[in-house]
N, C-alpha and C. Protein backbone atom coordinates (compact mmCIF):
# COMPACT_ATOMS: atom_id res chain seq x y z
N MET A 1 207.17 148.26 84.25
CA MET A 1 207.75 148.97 83.14
C MET A 1 206.98 150.28 82.95
N ILE A 2 207.73 151.36 82.68
CA ILE A 2 207.09 152.65 82.43
C ILE A 2 207.61 153.21 81.11
N GLU A 3 206.80 154.05 80.51
CA GLU A 3 207.14 154.66 79.24
C GLU A 3 207.71 156.05 79.48
N VAL A 4 208.83 156.37 78.82
CA VAL A 4 209.44 157.70 78.88
C VAL A 4 209.81 158.12 77.47
N THR A 5 210.01 159.43 77.27
CA THR A 5 210.33 159.96 75.96
C THR A 5 211.69 160.64 76.00
N LYS A 6 212.60 160.17 75.15
CA LYS A 6 213.91 160.81 75.06
C LYS A 6 213.76 162.19 74.42
N LEU A 7 214.79 163.02 74.51
CA LEU A 7 214.72 164.38 73.97
C LEU A 7 214.48 164.40 72.47
N ASN A 8 214.91 163.35 71.75
CA ASN A 8 214.72 163.29 70.30
C ASN A 8 213.32 162.79 69.93
N GLY A 9 212.45 162.53 70.91
CA GLY A 9 211.08 162.09 70.67
C GLY A 9 210.90 160.59 70.66
N LYS A 10 211.99 159.84 70.74
CA LYS A 10 211.89 158.38 70.75
C LYS A 10 211.34 157.91 72.10
N VAL A 11 210.34 157.03 72.02
CA VAL A 11 209.71 156.50 73.24
C VAL A 11 210.44 155.24 73.67
N LEU A 12 210.75 155.18 74.95
CA LEU A 12 211.39 153.99 75.55
C LEU A 12 210.50 153.45 76.65
N VAL A 13 210.58 152.16 76.86
CA VAL A 13 209.93 151.54 78.01
C VAL A 13 211.05 151.02 78.89
N ILE A 14 211.10 151.50 80.12
CA ILE A 14 212.19 151.10 81.02
C ILE A 14 211.64 150.34 82.22
N ASN A 15 212.47 149.50 82.77
CA ASN A 15 212.13 148.76 83.98
C ASN A 15 212.31 149.70 85.16
N CYS A 16 211.22 150.11 85.77
CA CYS A 16 211.31 151.09 86.85
C CYS A 16 211.98 150.52 88.10
N GLU A 17 212.11 149.21 88.18
CA GLU A 17 212.82 148.60 89.30
C GLU A 17 214.32 148.92 89.23
N LEU A 18 214.81 149.33 88.07
CA LEU A 18 216.23 149.63 87.89
C LEU A 18 216.57 151.10 88.11
N ILE A 19 215.55 151.95 88.38
CA ILE A 19 215.81 153.37 88.59
C ILE A 19 216.51 153.55 89.94
N GLU A 20 217.66 154.20 89.88
CA GLU A 20 218.42 154.48 91.10
C GLU A 20 218.24 155.94 91.51
N LEU A 21 218.19 156.83 90.50
CA LEU A 21 218.18 158.26 90.79
C LEU A 21 217.52 159.01 89.64
N ILE A 22 216.77 160.06 89.98
CA ILE A 22 216.20 160.95 88.97
C ILE A 22 216.70 162.35 89.28
N GLU A 23 217.36 162.99 88.32
CA GLU A 23 217.89 164.34 88.50
C GLU A 23 217.17 165.31 87.58
N SER A 24 216.97 166.53 88.04
CA SER A 24 216.43 167.60 87.21
C SER A 24 217.46 168.71 87.17
N THR A 25 218.12 168.90 86.00
CA THR A 25 219.28 169.79 85.96
C THR A 25 219.37 170.73 84.77
N PRO A 26 218.53 171.37 84.13
CA PRO A 26 217.07 171.32 84.16
C PRO A 26 216.49 170.15 83.38
N ASP A 27 217.31 169.49 82.51
CA ASP A 27 216.80 168.27 81.87
C ASP A 27 216.63 167.19 82.92
N THR A 28 215.73 166.27 82.67
CA THR A 28 215.52 165.16 83.59
C THR A 28 216.40 164.00 83.17
N ILE A 29 217.24 163.55 84.09
CA ILE A 29 218.16 162.45 83.83
C ILE A 29 217.83 161.30 84.75
N ILE A 30 217.54 160.14 84.16
CA ILE A 30 217.25 158.93 84.93
C ILE A 30 218.52 158.10 84.95
N SER A 31 219.03 157.81 86.15
CA SER A 31 220.19 156.93 86.31
C SER A 31 219.69 155.56 86.73
N LEU A 32 220.12 154.54 86.00
CA LEU A 32 219.72 153.17 86.31
C LEU A 32 220.82 152.47 87.10
N THR A 33 220.45 151.42 87.78
CA THR A 33 221.43 150.65 88.55
C THR A 33 222.46 149.98 87.67
N THR A 34 222.20 149.91 86.38
CA THR A 34 223.14 149.31 85.42
C THR A 34 224.25 150.29 85.05
N GLY A 35 224.11 151.56 85.47
CA GLY A 35 225.08 152.58 85.11
C GLY A 35 224.64 153.43 83.93
N ARG A 36 223.60 153.04 83.24
CA ARG A 36 223.09 153.79 82.10
C ARG A 36 222.36 155.03 82.57
N LYS A 37 222.50 156.12 81.84
CA LYS A 37 221.77 157.36 82.12
C LYS A 37 220.93 157.70 80.90
N ILE A 38 219.68 158.09 81.15
CA ILE A 38 218.76 158.42 80.06
C ILE A 38 218.21 159.82 80.31
N VAL A 39 218.36 160.71 79.33
CA VAL A 39 217.81 162.06 79.41
C VAL A 39 216.43 162.03 78.77
N VAL A 40 215.42 162.47 79.52
CA VAL A 40 214.04 162.36 79.04
C VAL A 40 213.31 163.70 79.09
N GLN A 41 212.20 163.76 78.35
CA GLN A 41 211.38 164.98 78.29
C GLN A 41 210.52 165.17 79.54
N GLU A 42 210.09 164.07 80.14
CA GLU A 42 209.18 164.15 81.27
C GLU A 42 209.91 164.69 82.51
N GLY A 43 209.16 165.37 83.36
CA GLY A 43 209.71 165.85 84.62
C GLY A 43 209.76 164.74 85.66
N SER A 44 210.50 164.97 86.72
CA SER A 44 210.66 163.94 87.74
C SER A 44 209.34 163.58 88.42
N GLU A 45 208.47 164.57 88.64
CA GLU A 45 207.19 164.29 89.29
C GLU A 45 206.33 163.36 88.44
N LEU A 46 206.34 163.54 87.13
CA LEU A 46 205.57 162.68 86.23
C LEU A 46 206.13 161.26 86.24
N ILE A 47 207.44 161.14 86.24
CA ILE A 47 208.06 159.81 86.28
C ILE A 47 207.73 159.11 87.58
N ILE A 48 207.81 159.83 88.68
CA ILE A 48 207.47 159.24 89.99
C ILE A 48 206.02 158.77 89.99
N GLY A 49 205.12 159.58 89.43
CA GLY A 49 203.71 159.19 89.34
C GLY A 49 203.52 157.92 88.53
N ARG A 50 204.25 157.78 87.43
CA ARG A 50 204.15 156.57 86.62
C ARG A 50 204.67 155.35 87.36
N VAL A 51 205.75 155.53 88.12
CA VAL A 51 206.29 154.41 88.91
C VAL A 51 205.28 153.99 89.96
N ILE A 52 204.69 154.94 90.65
CA ILE A 52 203.68 154.63 91.68
C ILE A 52 202.50 153.89 91.06
N LYS A 53 202.01 154.39 89.93
CA LYS A 53 200.88 153.74 89.25
C LYS A 53 201.24 152.31 88.84
N TYR A 54 202.42 152.12 88.30
CA TYR A 54 202.89 150.79 87.89
C TYR A 54 202.91 149.84 89.11
N LYS A 55 203.49 150.30 90.20
CA LYS A 55 203.59 149.45 91.39
C LYS A 55 202.21 149.14 91.97
N GLN A 56 201.30 150.08 91.91
CA GLN A 56 199.93 149.82 92.38
C GLN A 56 199.27 148.75 91.53
N GLU A 57 199.49 148.81 90.22
CA GLU A 57 198.90 147.83 89.29
C GLU A 57 199.44 146.43 89.56
N ILE A 58 200.74 146.30 89.74
CA ILE A 58 201.30 144.95 89.93
C ILE A 58 201.01 144.40 91.31
N ASN A 59 200.67 145.26 92.28
CA ASN A 59 200.39 144.79 93.63
C ASN A 59 198.91 144.56 93.90
N LYS A 60 198.05 144.80 92.90
CA LYS A 60 196.61 144.62 93.09
C LYS A 60 196.26 143.19 93.51
N GLY A 61 196.94 142.22 92.99
CA GLY A 61 196.64 140.83 93.30
C GLY A 61 197.03 140.40 94.69
N PHE A 62 197.78 141.24 95.42
CA PHE A 62 198.27 140.86 96.74
C PHE A 62 197.47 141.47 97.87
N GLU A 63 196.36 142.13 97.54
CA GLU A 63 195.54 142.76 98.59
C GLU A 63 194.64 141.76 99.27
């Protein structure tokens, strides 16, 4: 799960396993596999970094 901020300032925690696509148009739009789209304040690079960090954390026990 990663934390993102909607344009209105509301913080959401989303399941990063459901991210299908991240668009920058210039707003950042996260498309989920459920069909939902979320417009967020964070840029795509920051979101990708959070996903990588999350996956590293959950995979620590498998090393």
